[in-house]
Amino acid sequence: MDVTFKRTGERRYGVVVSLPGRTPLWMDPAPGYDDHIPHDMIHYTVEAELGLASGVFGRAARGGGGGFVLGGDDDLDHRERRRQRRRLLRREDRFRQDDQRGQGDMALSERLTGLCHVAWKRHHGPPAERPAWLRPQTTTPEDEAAVKRVLARLDRLAPLWNRLPVGGSLTFTWPATEPARILAEGTPRTRET
């Protein structure tokens, strides 16, 4: 599965999830725009770095929707699009049932993403007056170790994201934490270039 984070405007980004043989899933605009690193890229990094296979992106890799919608594939007729949407919703229902039985990673992913976002902003934000949501939170030693791992990865990804112009993108192959492709100013680069 490929996950692409694309700058779609000056203060806007989108996410595309592409699975072989399936219609791509989109979210544009995606929530949580940030000047330095988008919320969903933090989510992706938390899940990939910590091996959370049942969070937003793990669910998408297993055919779930995770809040994404079917892309605009012109080859699909209305009936096939409805069938795919129903299958997507049924899978998501099963994932939610797993969460309710304590077998999913979604709650952990959401909690750690929130902690990582706050920690990253505190680490990189201005030391001036901070809103209450940026103040330190109580965490466990396990959470602190996880946050430290993710922050090290975000420190490498944020500059890549910041250099992208509108239309540029970073593409990851799940569950890799290094981009497989970087598209900047119409010129794709792979990890090798």
Protein backbone atom coordinates (compact mmCIF):
# COMPACT_ATOMS: atom_id res chain seq x y z
CA MET A 1 0.00 0.00 0.00
CA ASP A 2 1.26 3.47 -0.87
CA VAL A 3 0.32 6.49 1.24
CA THR A 4 0.85 9.90 -0.35
CA PHE A 5 0.79 13.19 1.55
CA LYS A 6 0.33 16.03 -0.92
CA ARG A 7 0.40 19.79 -0.48
CA THR A 8 -2.84 20.79 -2.19
CA GLY A 9 -2.79 24.48 -1.27
CA GLU A 10 -0.92 27.08 0.75
CA ARG A 11 -2.50 25.88 4.01
CA ARG A 12 -3.96 22.59 2.89
CA TYR A 13 -2.94 18.99 2.31
CA GLY A 14 -4.51 15.75 1.17
CA VAL A 15 -3.81 12.06 1.70
CA VAL A 16 -4.16 9.32 -0.93
CA VAL A 17 -4.09 5.62 0.00
CA SER A 18 -3.42 3.33 -2.96
CA LEU A 19 -3.76 -0.44 -2.73
CA PRO A 20 -2.98 -2.64 -5.75
CA GLY A 21 -6.12 -3.55 -7.66
CA ARG A 22 -8.36 -1.21 -5.65
CA THR A 23 -9.77 2.24 -6.16
CA PRO A 24 -7.59 4.79 -4.32
CA LEU A 25 -8.93 6.29 -1.10
CA TRP A 26 -8.71 10.05 -0.62
CA MET A 27 -9.00 12.64 2.09
CA ASP A 28 -8.73 16.20 0.76
CA PRO A 29 -8.64 18.44 2.57
CA ALA A 30 -7.22 16.33 5.36
CA PRO A 31 -7.65 17.55 8.95
CA GLY A 32 -5.00 19.13 11.13
CA TYR A 33 -3.01 21.27 8.76
CA ASP A 34 0.19 22.48 10.39
CA ASP A 35 2.89 24.71 8.94
CA HIS A 36 5.58 22.17 9.82
CA ILE A 37 4.10 18.68 9.66
CA PRO A 38 0.52 17.56 8.97
CA HIS A 39 -1.49 15.71 11.60
CA ASP A 40 -2.04 12.64 9.43
CA MET A 41 1.69 12.34 8.72
CA ILE A 42 2.20 12.22 12.49
CA HIS A 43 -0.51 9.51 12.63
CA TYR A 44 1.20 7.54 9.87
CA THR A 45 4.59 7.87 11.55
CA VAL A 46 3.26 6.76 14.95
CA GLU A 47 1.61 3.69 13.47
CA ALA A 48 4.49 2.72 11.17
CA GLU A 49 7.29 3.40 13.67
CA LEU A 50 5.55 1.60 16.53
CA GLY A 51 4.08 -1.28 14.49
CA LEU A 52 0.42 -0.47 15.15
CA ALA A 53 -1.22 -2.65 12.52
CA SER A 54 -4.83 -1.80 13.43
CA GLY A 55 -4.71 2.00 13.43
CA VAL A 56 -5.88 4.27 10.61
CA PHE A 57 -3.29 3.18 8.06
CA GLY A 58 -3.13 -0.48 9.12
CA ARG A 59 -6.89 -0.65 8.62
CA ALA A 60 -6.55 0.94 5.21
CA ALA A 61 -3.89 -1.63 4.27
CA ARG A 62 -6.38 -4.36 5.19
CA GLY A 63 -9.09 -2.82 3.04
CA GLY A 64 -10.77 -0.51 5.55
CA GLY A 65 -11.63 3.11 5.05
CA GLY A 66 -10.21 4.84 8.11
CA GLY A 67 -12.08 8.05 7.32
CA PHE A 68 -11.02 8.09 3.67
CA VAL A 69 -13.42 8.16 0.74
CA LEU A 70 -13.23 6.36 -2.59
CA GLY A 71 -11.28 8.32 -5.16
CA GLY A 72 -12.72 9.59 -8.40
CA ASP A 73 -11.90 6.63 -10.64
CA ASP A 74 -13.68 7.33 -13.93
CA ASP A 75 -13.57 3.64 -14.87
CA LEU A 76 -16.08 2.79 -12.11
CA ASP A 77 -19.74 2.99 -12.84
CA HIS A 78 -22.18 4.17 -10.18
CA ARG A 79 -23.20 0.63 -9.22
CA GLU A 80 -19.59 -0.59 -8.76
CA ARG A 81 -18.74 2.50 -6.70
CA ARG A 82 -21.70 1.73 -4.38
CA ARG A 83 -20.56 -1.91 -4.05
CA GLN A 84 -17.05 -0.84 -3.11
CA ARG A 85 -18.40 1.69 -0.62
CA ARG A 86 -20.56 -0.98 1.06
CA ARG A 87 -17.57 -3.37 1.31
CA LEU A 88 -15.49 -0.58 2.81
CA LEU A 89 -18.17 0.20 5.41
CA ARG A 90 -18.54 -3.51 6.35
CA ARG A 91 -14.79 -3.80 6.93
CA GLU A 92 -14.80 -0.65 9.05
CA ASP A 93 -17.65 -2.08 11.14
CA ARG A 94 -15.55 -5.19 11.84
CA PHE A 95 -12.56 -3.03 12.82
CA ARG A 96 -14.74 -1.01 15.20
CA GLN A 97 -15.98 -4.22 16.79
CA ASP A 98 -12.35 -5.29 17.30
CA ASP A 99 -11.70 -1.90 18.97
CA GLN A 100 -14.64 -2.41 21.31
CA ARG A 101 -13.29 -5.85 22.29
CA GLY A 102 -9.88 -4.27 22.99
CA GLN A 103 -8.24 -5.95 19.99
CA GLY A 104 -7.54 -2.83 17.93
CA ASP A 105 -4.81 -0.22 17.95
CA MET A 106 -7.00 2.75 17.10
CA ALA A 107 -7.30 4.21 20.62
CA LEU A 108 -3.57 3.76 21.23
CA SER A 109 -2.79 5.34 17.86
CA GLU A 110 -5.00 8.35 18.60
CA ARG A 111 -3.52 8.82 22.09
CA LEU A 112 0.11 8.50 20.98
CA THR A 113 -0.46 10.74 17.96
CA GLY A 114 -1.83 13.42 20.29
CA LEU A 115 1.14 13.05 22.64
CA CYS A 116 3.62 13.15 19.75
CA HIS A 117 1.98 16.20 18.20
CA VAL A 118 2.11 18.12 21.47
CA ALA A 119 5.68 17.01 22.21
CA TRP A 120 6.85 17.93 18.71
CA LYS A 121 5.20 21.37 18.89
CA ARG A 122 6.72 22.00 22.34
CA HIS A 123 10.13 20.95 21.06
CA HIS A 124 9.99 23.01 17.86
CA GLY A 125 7.52 25.77 18.67
CA PRO A 126 8.26 29.22 19.99
CA PRO A 127 8.89 29.34 23.75
CA ALA A 128 6.45 32.23 24.09
CA GLU A 129 2.99 31.86 25.64
CA ARG A 130 1.67 28.42 24.73
CA PRO A 131 -1.98 27.39 24.64
CA ALA A 132 -3.12 24.94 27.29
CA TRP A 133 -3.12 22.00 24.87
CA LEU A 134 0.67 22.40 24.45
CA ARG A 135 1.45 22.19 28.16
CA PRO A 136 3.14 18.99 29.40
CA GLN A 137 0.89 16.00 29.97
CA THR A 138 1.29 13.04 32.30
CA THR A 139 2.72 10.05 30.46
CA THR A 140 4.00 6.59 31.32
CA PRO A 141 7.64 5.57 30.77
CA GLU A 142 6.44 3.40 27.85
CA ASP A 143 4.66 6.40 26.29
CA GLU A 144 7.76 8.55 26.74
CA ALA A 145 9.94 5.97 24.98
CA ALA A 146 7.43 5.69 22.11
CA VAL A 147 7.15 9.47 21.78
CA LYS A 148 10.95 9.80 21.71
CA ARG A 149 11.20 7.26 18.86
CA VAL A 150 8.50 8.99 16.85
CA LEU A 151 9.94 12.48 17.43
CA ALA A 152 13.31 11.36 16.04
CA ARG A 153 11.53 10.21 12.88
CA LEU A 154 9.41 13.39 12.64
CA ASP A 155 12.57 15.49 12.93
CA ARG A 156 13.76 13.84 9.69
CA LEU A 157 10.40 14.08 7.89
CA ALA A 158 9.43 17.67 8.74
CA PRO A 159 12.21 19.28 6.65
CA LEU A 160 11.24 17.13 3.65
CA TRP A 161 7.62 18.23 4.01
CA ASN A 162 8.57 21.88 4.50
CA ARG A 163 10.58 21.98 1.26
CA LEU A 164 7.61 20.82 -0.83
CA PRO A 165 5.84 23.38 -3.00
CA VAL A 166 2.08 23.28 -3.54
CA GLY A 167 1.55 20.17 -5.67
CA GLY A 168 4.55 18.39 -4.14
CA SER A 169 4.16 15.13 -2.24
CA LEU A 170 5.81 12.49 -0.09
CA THR A 171 4.84 8.86 -0.75
CA PHE A 172 5.47 6.07 1.74
CA THR A 173 5.07 2.34 1.20
CA TRP A 174 3.32 1.02 4.33
CA PRO A 175 4.81 0.44 6.88
CA ALA A 176 8.07 2.15 5.86
CA THR A 177 8.91 5.36 7.72
CA GLU A 178 11.17 6.78 5.01
CA PRO A 179 9.53 8.16 1.87
CA ALA A 180 9.72 5.92 -1.19
CA ARG A 181 9.10 8.92 -3.48
CA ILE A 182 9.35 12.66 -3.17
CA LEU A 183 7.63 14.74 -5.83
CA ALA A 184 8.77 18.34 -5.78
CA GLU A 185 8.17 20.81 -8.59
CA GLY A 186 7.11 18.09 -11.01
CA THR A 187 10.29 16.02 -10.54
CA PRO A 188 9.85 12.72 -8.71
CA ARG A 189 12.77 11.45 -6.64
CA THR A 190 13.05 8.01 -5.10
CA ARG A 191 15.08 7.04 -2.06
CA GLU A 192 17.98 6.22 -4.36
CA THR A 193 18.16 9.69 -5.98
